[in-house]
Amino acid sequence: MAGHSKWANIQHKKARQDAKRGKIFTRLIKEITVAARLGGGDPASNPRLRLAMDKAWDANMPKDNVQRAIDKGTGNVEGADYVELRYEGYGIGGAALMVDCLTDNKTRTVADVRHAFNKNGGNLGTDGCVAFQFEHQGYLVFTDADEDALMEAALEAGAEDVIVDDEGVIEVITAPADWAQVKATLEEAGFKSEDGDVTMRAQNDTVLMGEDAEKMQKLIDALEDLDDVQNVYTSAVLQFDA
């Protein structure tokens, strides 16, 4: 991972996501519904649902909305039958992209994703063409914490690794299913993360600068703006001109 630019990229992505907050509730409701359908409505025994609910609370989603989404997933309330789809492809400079979708219309979704790739300099690939470049993991970022104390607490809480970059940013790595528990345990110990999620993390970065970074951002934005897209993962590390 490119430690020198990782935190800057997280902040940049977060700012852009905040600007699109109007779509966040819709995506969270879909994720809660599917998580409840696949694993049941009890977050204590359904890590995916627990993560989705944590994200909903962080986004200040009303409790009624969360419960309604759970009820749709468990069949207590009628709702759309969403299907999970993953598309893989390449962006600017050959950077890898994975696009996770939840949709009730596969034909519409693949057409929209392909159009976004083609219009913005990317190429939609075949299943598995870039998946091997990514690892499913959870992460928590800390920018102002005692390194030794946090490392000890994180490993005791069940974290898989603790990474410190040259700017003192500390990243705690977890198994996907352990993310919520590690986060809660560290918070109880007094460590508040600046950012965190369960994601598909590229094993190697593709650094894009200047104009190439701008083009790649346009492609990512076009994909994220699609109604059926839940998450976009990329190996690209974007470095914009000052």
C-alpha atoms as a PDB file:
ATOM      1  CA  MET A   1       0.000   0.000   0.000  1.00  0.00           C
ATOM      2  CA  ALA A   2       1.177   3.556  -0.641  1.00  0.00           C
ATOM      3  CA  GLY A   3       1.349   4.825   2.891  1.00  0.00           C
ATOM      4  CA  HIS A   4       2.314   8.350   1.896  1.00  0.00           C
ATOM      5  CA  SER A   5      -0.950   8.958   0.027  1.00  0.00           C
ATOM      6  CA  LYS A   6      -3.381   6.505   1.622  1.00  0.00           C
ATOM      7  CA  TRP A   7      -4.866   8.875   4.195  1.00  0.00           C
ATOM      8  CA  ALA A   8      -5.132  11.722   1.684  1.00  0.00           C
ATOM      9  CA  ASN A   9      -7.047   9.429  -0.656  1.00  0.00           C
ATOM     10  CA  ILE A  10      -9.377   8.290   2.127  1.00  0.00           C
ATOM     11  CA  GLN A  11     -10.118  11.922   3.010  1.00  0.00           C
ATOM     12  CA  HIS A  12     -10.659  12.813  -0.633  1.00  0.00           C
ATOM     13  CA  LYS A  13     -13.042   9.897  -1.173  1.00  0.00           C
ATOM     14  CA  LYS A  14     -14.923  10.700   2.021  1.00  0.00           C
ATOM     15  CA  ALA A  15     -15.449  14.320   0.956  1.00  0.00           C
ATOM     16  CA  ARG A  16     -16.856  13.243  -2.396  1.00  0.00           C
ATOM     17  CA  GLN A  17     -19.143  10.690  -0.737  1.00  0.00           C
ATOM     18  CA  ASP A  18     -20.428  13.340   1.664  1.00  0.00           C
ATOM     19  CA  ALA A  19     -21.339  15.464  -1.342  1.00  0.00           C
ATOM     20  CA  LYS A  20     -23.489  12.564  -2.579  1.00  0.00           C
ATOM     21  CA  ARG A  21     -25.188  11.997   0.762  1.00  0.00           C
ATOM     22  CA  GLY A  22     -28.621  12.099  -0.839  1.00  0.00           C
ATOM     23  CA  LYS A  23     -27.982   8.646  -2.337  1.00  0.00           C
ATOM     24  CA  ILE A  24     -26.444   7.120   0.762  1.00  0.00           C
ATOM     25  CA  PHE A  25     -29.748   6.262   2.462  1.00  0.00           C
ATOM     26  CA  THR A  26     -30.987   4.427  -0.637  1.00  0.00           C
ATOM     27  CA  ARG A  27     -27.825   2.342  -0.832  1.00  0.00           C
ATOM     28  CA  LEU A  28     -27.854   1.585   2.880  1.00  0.00           C
ATOM     29  CA  ILE A  29     -31.495   0.483   2.762  1.00  0.00           C
ATOM     30  CA  LYS A  30     -30.684  -1.907  -0.092  1.00  0.00           C
ATOM     31  CA  GLU A  31     -27.701  -3.332   1.795  1.00  0.00           C
ATOM     32  CA  ILE A  32     -29.674  -3.785   5.033  1.00  0.00           C
ATOM     33  CA  THR A  33     -32.500  -5.492   3.122  1.00  0.00           C
ATOM     34  CA  VAL A  34     -30.196  -7.944   1.354  1.00  0.00           C
ATOM     35  CA  ALA A  35     -28.133  -8.616   4.489  1.00  0.00           C
ATOM     36  CA  ALA A  36     -31.294  -9.435   6.448  1.00  0.00           C
ATOM     37  CA  ARG A  37     -32.600 -11.647   3.650  1.00  0.00           C
ATOM     38  CA  LEU A  38     -29.383 -13.659   3.447  1.00  0.00           C
ATOM     39  CA  GLY A  39     -28.440 -13.885   7.111  1.00  0.00           C
ATOM     40  CA  GLY A  40     -31.549 -13.098   9.141  1.00  0.00           C
ATOM     41  CA  GLY A  41     -32.704 -10.016  11.006  1.00  0.00           C
ATOM     42  CA  ASP A  42     -30.553 -10.385  14.142  1.00  0.00           C
ATOM     43  CA  PRO A  43     -27.362  -8.293  13.867  1.00  0.00           C
ATOM     44  CA  ALA A  44     -25.780 -10.245  16.734  1.00  0.00           C
ATOM     45  CA  SER A  45     -25.589 -13.330  14.508  1.00  0.00           C
ATOM     46  CA  ASN A  46     -25.346 -11.557  11.141  1.00  0.00           C
ATOM     47  CA  PRO A  47     -22.061  -9.592  10.758  1.00  0.00           C
ATOM     48  CA  ARG A  48     -23.065  -8.176   7.384  1.00  0.00           C
ATOM     49  CA  LEU A  49     -26.291  -6.771   8.806  1.00  0.00           C
ATOM     50  CA  ARG A  50     -24.467  -5.396  11.834  1.00  0.00           C
ATOM     51  CA  LEU A  51     -22.004  -3.556   9.575  1.00  0.00           C
ATOM     52  CA  ALA A  52     -24.822  -2.145   7.438  1.00  0.00           C
ATOM     53  CA  MET A  53     -26.682  -0.963  10.529  1.00  0.00           C
ATOM     54  CA  ASP A  54     -23.523   0.669  11.918  1.00  0.00           C
ATOM     55  CA  LYS A  55     -23.166   2.582   8.661  1.00  0.00           C
ATOM     56  CA  ALA A  56     -26.823   3.604   8.875  1.00  0.00           C
ATOM     57  CA  TRP A  57     -26.372   4.984  12.394  1.00  0.00           C
ATOM     58  CA  ASP A  58     -23.228   6.851  11.274  1.00  0.00           C
ATOM     59  CA  ALA A  59     -25.281   8.404   8.459  1.00  0.00           C
ATOM     60  CA  ASN A  60     -28.008   9.400  10.966  1.00  0.00           C
ATOM     61  CA  MET A  61     -30.635   7.211   9.330  1.00  0.00           C
ATOM     62  CA  PRO A  62     -33.884   7.100  11.360  1.00  0.00           C
ATOM     63  CA  LYS A  63     -34.457   3.863  13.273  1.00  0.00           C
ATOM     64  CA  ASP A  64     -37.808   3.346  11.543  1.00  0.00           C
ATOM     65  CA  ASN A  65     -36.069   3.285   8.153  1.00  0.00           C
ATOM     66  CA  VAL A  66     -33.572   0.708   9.370  1.00  0.00           C
ATOM     67  CA  GLN A  67     -36.272  -1.536  10.854  1.00  0.00           C
ATOM     68  CA  ARG A  68     -38.400  -1.272   7.719  1.00  0.00           C
ATOM     69  CA  ALA A  69     -35.432  -2.388   5.600  1.00  0.00           C
ATOM     70  CA  ILE A  70     -34.837  -5.346   7.924  1.00  0.00           C
ATOM     71  CA  ASP A  71     -38.522  -6.290   7.731  1.00  0.00           C
ATOM     72  CA  LYS A  72     -38.365  -6.213   3.929  1.00  0.00           C
ATOM     73  CA  GLY A  73     -35.364  -8.499   3.998  1.00  0.00           C
ATOM     74  CA  THR A  74     -36.924 -11.018   6.354  1.00  0.00           C
ATOM     75  CA  GLY A  75     -40.208 -11.026   4.451  1.00  0.00           C
ATOM     76  CA  ASN A  76     -42.308  -9.264   7.073  1.00  0.00           C
ATOM     77  CA  VAL A  77     -42.910  -6.399   4.642  1.00  0.00           C
ATOM     78  CA  GLU A  78     -43.180  -6.630   0.861  1.00  0.00           C
ATOM     79  CA  GLY A  79     -40.259  -5.129  -1.042  1.00  0.00           C
ATOM     80  CA  ALA A  80     -38.119  -5.401  -4.191  1.00  0.00           C
ATOM     81  CA  ASP A  81     -36.089  -8.568  -4.703  1.00  0.00           C
ATOM     82  CA  TYR A  82     -32.528  -7.323  -5.152  1.00  0.00           C
ATOM     83  CA  VAL A  83     -29.798  -9.401  -6.787  1.00  0.00           C
ATOM     84  CA  GLU A  84     -26.091  -8.933  -6.063  1.00  0.00           C
ATOM     85  CA  LEU A  85     -23.847  -8.401  -9.085  1.00  0.00           C
ATOM     86  CA  ARG A  86     -20.128  -7.666  -9.364  1.00  0.00           C
ATOM     87  CA  TYR A  87     -18.486  -6.213 -12.472  1.00  0.00           C
ATOM     88  CA  GLU A  88     -14.745  -6.020 -13.085  1.00  0.00           C
ATOM     89  CA  GLY A  89     -12.735  -3.906 -15.469  1.00  0.00           C
ATOM     90  CA  TYR A  90      -9.931  -1.477 -16.106  1.00  0.00           C
ATOM     91  CA  GLY A  91      -9.652   2.277 -15.819  1.00  0.00           C
ATOM     92  CA  ILE A  92      -7.029   4.846 -16.765  1.00  0.00           C
ATOM     93  CA  GLY A  93      -3.494   3.467 -16.893  1.00  0.00           C
ATOM     94  CA  GLY A  94      -4.789  -0.074 -16.521  1.00  0.00           C
ATOM     95  CA  ALA A  95      -5.960   0.533 -12.933  1.00  0.00           C
ATOM     96  CA  ALA A  96      -8.191  -2.276 -11.717  1.00  0.00           C
ATOM     97  CA  LEU A  97     -11.852  -1.642 -10.861  1.00  0.00           C
ATOM     98  CA  MET A  98     -14.503  -3.738  -9.157  1.00  0.00           C
ATOM     99  CA  VAL A  99     -18.095  -2.516  -9.054  1.00  0.00           C
ATOM    100  CA  ASP A 100     -20.609  -4.053  -6.634  1.00  0.00           C
ATOM    101  CA  CYS A 101     -24.293  -3.612  -7.460  1.00  0.00           C
ATOM    102  CA  LEU A 102     -27.687  -4.442  -5.980  1.00  0.00           C
ATOM    103  CA  THR A 103     -30.410  -4.430  -8.597  1.00  0.00           C
ATOM    104  CA  ASP A 104     -33.876  -5.649  -9.503  1.00  0.00           C
ATOM    105  CA  ASN A 105     -33.048  -5.411 -13.238  1.00  0.00           C
ATOM    106  CA  LYS A 106     -29.821  -7.087 -14.426  1.00  0.00           C
ATOM    107  CA  THR A 107     -30.214  -5.943 -18.028  1.00  0.00           C
ATOM    108  CA  ARG A 108     -30.440  -2.285 -17.038  1.00  0.00           C
ATOM    109  CA  THR A 109     -27.523  -2.514 -14.653  1.00  0.00           C
ATOM    110  CA  VAL A 110     -24.995  -4.123 -16.985  1.00  0.00           C
ATOM    111  CA  ALA A 111     -25.915  -1.644 -19.740  1.00  0.00           C
ATOM    112  CA  ASP A 112     -25.429   1.313 -17.378  1.00  0.00           C
ATOM    113  CA  VAL A 113     -22.104   0.007 -16.037  1.00  0.00           C
ATOM    114  CA  ARG A 114     -20.758  -0.726 -19.522  1.00  0.00           C
ATOM    115  CA  HIS A 115     -21.773   2.731 -20.715  1.00  0.00           C
ATOM    116  CA  ALA A 116     -20.012   4.403 -17.776  1.00  0.00           C
ATOM    117  CA  PHE A 117     -16.804   2.473 -18.509  1.00  0.00           C
ATOM    118  CA  ASN A 118     -16.866   3.143 -22.251  1.00  0.00           C
ATOM    119  CA  LYS A 119     -17.733   6.844 -21.976  1.00  0.00           C
ATOM    120  CA  ASN A 120     -14.952   7.575 -19.484  1.00  0.00           C
ATOM    121  CA  GLY A 121     -11.939   5.784 -20.919  1.00  0.00           C
ATOM    122  CA  GLY A 122     -12.340   2.439 -19.156  1.00  0.00           C
ATOM    123  CA  ASN A 123     -13.016  -1.119 -20.268  1.00  0.00           C
ATOM    124  CA  LEU A 124     -15.509  -3.542 -18.742  1.00  0.00           C
ATOM    125  CA  GLY A 125     -13.767  -6.890 -18.374  1.00  0.00           C
ATOM    126  CA  THR A 126     -14.759 -10.488 -17.766  1.00  0.00           C
ATOM    127  CA  ASP A 127     -15.529 -12.121 -14.428  1.00  0.00           C
ATOM    128  CA  GLY A 128     -12.319 -12.687 -12.474  1.00  0.00           C
ATOM    129  CA  CYS A 129     -10.120 -10.442 -14.610  1.00  0.00           C
ATOM    130  CA  VAL A 130      -9.060  -8.275 -11.651  1.00  0.00           C
ATOM    131  CA  ALA A 131     -10.601  -9.927  -8.564  1.00  0.00           C
ATOM    132  CA  PHE A 132      -7.334 -11.704  -7.760  1.00  0.00           C
ATOM    133  CA  GLN A 133      -5.747  -8.276  -7.228  1.00  0.00           C
ATOM    134  CA  PHE A 134      -8.024  -7.473  -4.272  1.00  0.00           C
ATOM    135  CA  GLU A 135      -8.343  -8.740  -0.715  1.00  0.00           C
ATOM    136  CA  HIS A 136     -11.535  -8.613   1.358  1.00  0.00           C
ATOM    137  CA  GLN A 137     -10.671  -6.946   4.667  1.00  0.00           C
ATOM    138  CA  GLY A 138     -11.743  -4.443   7.280  1.00  0.00           C
ATOM    139  CA  TYR A 139      -9.748  -1.389   8.248  1.00  0.00           C
ATOM    140  CA  LEU A 140      -9.777   1.349  10.894  1.00  0.00           C
ATOM    141  CA  VAL A 141      -7.698   4.523  10.598  1.00  0.00           C
ATOM    142  CA  PHE A 142      -6.287   6.461  13.562  1.00  0.00           C
ATOM    143  CA  THR A 143      -4.401   9.734  13.159  1.00  0.00           C
ATOM    144  CA  ASP A 144      -3.788  10.737  16.773  1.00  0.00           C
ATOM    145  CA  ALA A 145      -3.160   7.727  18.997  1.00  0.00           C
ATOM    146  CA  ASP A 146      -0.359   6.181  21.020  1.00  0.00           C
ATOM    147  CA  GLU A 147       1.145   3.668  18.615  1.00  0.00           C
ATOM    148  CA  ASP A 148       2.259   1.053  21.150  1.00  0.00           C
ATOM    149  CA  ALA A 149      -0.942   1.198  23.196  1.00  0.00           C
ATOM    150  CA  LEU A 150      -3.169   1.018  20.126  1.00  0.00           C
ATOM    151  CA  MET A 151      -1.191  -1.839  18.625  1.00  0.00           C
ATOM    152  CA  GLU A 152      -1.459  -3.870  21.830  1.00  0.00           C
ATOM    153  CA  ALA A 153      -5.181  -3.160  22.203  1.00  0.00           C
ATOM    154  CA  ALA A 154      -5.894  -3.922  18.533  1.00  0.00           C
ATOM    155  CA  LEU A 155      -4.120  -7.265  18.523  1.00  0.00           C
ATOM    156  CA  GLU A 156      -5.798  -8.260  21.778  1.00  0.00           C
ATOM    157  CA  ALA A 157      -9.160  -7.308  20.216  1.00  0.00           C
ATOM    158  CA  GLY A 158      -8.579  -9.716  17.342  1.00  0.00           C
ATOM    159  CA  ALA A 159      -7.088  -7.494  14.639  1.00  0.00           C
ATOM    160  CA  GLU A 160      -4.970  -9.192  11.977  1.00  0.00           C
ATOM    161  CA  ASP A 161      -2.359  -6.450  11.581  1.00  0.00           C
ATOM    162  CA  VAL A 162      -1.440  -2.878  12.501  1.00  0.00           C
ATOM    163  CA  ILE A 163       0.292  -0.680   9.909  1.00  0.00           C
ATOM    164  CA  VAL A 164       1.947   2.681  10.623  1.00  0.00           C
ATOM    165  CA  ASP A 165       2.911   4.951   7.720  1.00  0.00           C
ATOM    166  CA  ASP A 166       5.662   7.560   7.593  1.00  0.00           C
ATOM    167  CA  GLU A 167       3.251  10.319   8.649  1.00  0.00           C
ATOM    168  CA  GLY A 168       2.184   8.503  11.818  1.00  0.00           C
ATOM    169  CA  VAL A 169      -1.191   7.380  10.496  1.00  0.00           C
ATOM    170  CA  ILE A 170      -2.089   4.041  12.069  1.00  0.00           C
ATOM    171  CA  GLU A 171      -4.243   1.528  10.230  1.00  0.00           C
ATOM    172  CA  VAL A 172      -5.741  -1.495  11.967  1.00  0.00           C
ATOM    173  CA  ILE A 173      -6.538  -4.420   9.639  1.00  0.00           C
ATOM    174  CA  THR A 174      -9.250  -6.958  10.507  1.00  0.00           C
ATOM    175  CA  ALA A 175     -11.040  -9.927   9.007  1.00  0.00           C
ATOM    176  CA  PRO A 176     -14.328  -8.711   7.467  1.00  0.00           C
ATOM    177  CA  ALA A 177     -16.486 -10.529  10.011  1.00  0.00           C
ATOM    178  CA  ASP A 178     -14.442  -9.159  12.940  1.00  0.00           C
ATOM    179  CA  TRP A 179     -14.493  -5.478  11.941  1.00  0.00           C
ATOM    180  CA  ALA A 180     -17.484  -4.369  14.012  1.00  0.00           C
ATOM    181  CA  GLN A 181     -16.307  -6.173  17.155  1.00  0.00           C
ATOM    182  CA  VAL A 182     -12.739  -4.850  16.890  1.00  0.00           C
ATOM    183  CA  LYS A 183     -14.067  -1.320  16.342  1.00  0.00           C
ATOM    184  CA  ALA A 184     -16.358  -1.560  19.384  1.00  0.00           C
ATOM    185  CA  THR A 185     -13.614  -3.030  21.582  1.00  0.00           C
ATOM    186  CA  LEU A 186     -11.150  -0.292  20.646  1.00  0.00           C
ATOM    187  CA  GLU A 187     -13.761   2.400  21.281  1.00  0.00           C
ATOM    188  CA  GLU A 188     -14.365   0.947  24.740  1.00  0.00           C
ATOM    189  CA  ALA A 189     -10.600   1.202  25.313  1.00  0.00           C
ATOM    190  CA  GLY A 190     -10.666   4.889  24.349  1.00  0.00           C
ATOM    191  CA  PHE A 191      -9.473   4.675  20.732  1.00  0.00           C
ATOM    192  CA  LYS A 192     -11.768   6.518  18.297  1.00  0.00           C
ATOM    193  CA  SER A 193     -11.089   5.844  14.614  1.00  0.00           C
ATOM    194  CA  GLU A 194     -11.105   8.631  12.035  1.00  0.00           C
ATOM    195  CA  ASP A 195     -12.375   6.332   9.321  1.00  0.00           C
ATOM    196  CA  GLY A 196     -13.057   2.671   8.693  1.00  0.00           C
ATOM    197  CA  ASP A 197     -14.995   0.173   6.637  1.00  0.00           C
ATOM    198  CA  VAL A 198     -15.058  -3.334   5.251  1.00  0.00           C
ATOM    199  CA  THR A 199     -13.714  -3.128   1.729  1.00  0.00           C
ATOM    200  CA  MET A 200     -11.974  -4.831  -1.157  1.00  0.00           C
ATOM    201  CA  ARG A 201      -8.390  -3.581  -0.825  1.00  0.00           C
ATOM    202  CA  ALA A 202      -6.046  -3.692  -3.816  1.00  0.00           C
ATOM    203  CA  GLN A 203      -2.848  -5.588  -3.061  1.00  0.00           C
ATOM    204  CA  ASN A 204      -0.840  -3.265  -5.313  1.00  0.00           C
ATOM    205  CA  ASP A 205      -1.447   0.389  -6.125  1.00  0.00           C
ATOM    206  CA  THR A 206      -1.608   2.061  -9.524  1.00  0.00           C
ATOM    207  CA  VAL A 207      -0.501   5.660  -8.931  1.00  0.00           C
ATOM    208  CA  LEU A 208      -2.150   8.182 -11.267  1.00  0.00           C
ATOM    209  CA  MET A 209      -1.161  11.844 -11.307  1.00  0.00           C
ATOM    210  CA  GLY A 210      -2.493  15.074 -12.767  1.00  0.00           C
ATOM    211  CA  GLU A 211      -4.688  14.648 -15.827  1.00  0.00           C
ATOM    212  CA  ASP A 212      -4.781  10.858 -15.514  1.00  0.00           C
ATOM    213  CA  ALA A 213      -5.966  11.195 -11.909  1.00  0.00           C
ATOM    214  CA  GLU A 214      -8.729  13.583 -13.012  1.00  0.00           C
ATOM    215  CA  LYS A 215      -9.856  11.173 -15.750  1.00  0.00           C
ATOM    216  CA  MET A 216      -9.902   8.271 -13.320  1.00  0.00           C
ATOM    217  CA  GLN A 217     -11.931  10.298 -10.842  1.00  0.00           C
ATOM    218  CA  LYS A 218     -14.495  11.035 -13.579  1.00  0.00           C
ATOM    219  CA  LEU A 219     -14.815   7.317 -14.297  1.00  0.00           C
ATOM    220  CA  ILE A 220     -15.218   6.463 -10.596  1.00  0.00           C
ATOM    221  CA  ASP A 221     -17.792   9.256 -10.196  1.00  0.00           C
ATOM    222  CA  ALA A 222     -19.757   8.035 -13.223  1.00  0.00           C
ATOM    223  CA  LEU A 223     -19.923   4.526 -11.758  1.00  0.00           C
ATOM    224  CA  GLU A 224     -20.787   5.698  -8.236  1.00  0.00           C
ATOM    225  CA  ASP A 225     -23.571   7.908  -9.614  1.00  0.00           C
ATOM    226  CA  LEU A 226     -25.429   4.888 -11.020  1.00  0.00           C
ATOM    227  CA  ASP A 227     -28.503   4.032  -8.946  1.00  0.00           C
ATOM    228  CA  ASP A 228     -27.704   0.302  -8.824  1.00  0.00           C
ATOM    229  CA  VAL A 229     -24.059   0.706  -7.749  1.00  0.00           C
ATOM    230  CA  GLN A 230     -23.290   0.119  -4.083  1.00  0.00           C
ATOM    231  CA  ASN A 231     -19.484   0.302  -4.023  1.00  0.00           C
ATOM    232  CA  VAL A 232     -16.595   0.955  -6.376  1.00  0.00           C
ATOM    233  CA  TYR A 233     -13.174  -0.479  -5.512  1.00  0.00           C
ATOM    234  CA  THR A 234      -9.982   0.408  -7.355  1.00  0.00           C
ATOM    235  CA  SER A 235      -6.250  -0.084  -7.313  1.00  0.00           C
ATOM    236  CA  ALA A 236      -5.824   3.545  -8.350  1.00  0.00           C
ATOM    237  CA  VAL A 237      -4.139   5.996  -5.992  1.00  0.00           C
ATOM    238  CA  LEU A 238      -4.999   9.483  -7.207  1.00  0.00           C
ATOM    239  CA  GLN A 239      -2.541  12.347  -6.795  1.00  0.00           C
ATOM    240  CA  PHE A 240      -4.020  15.640  -7.939  1.00  0.00           C
ATOM    241  CA  ASP A 241      -2.076  18.737  -8.876  1.00  0.00           C
ATOM    242  CA  ALA A 242      -1.862  21.297  -6.087  1.00  0.00           C
END
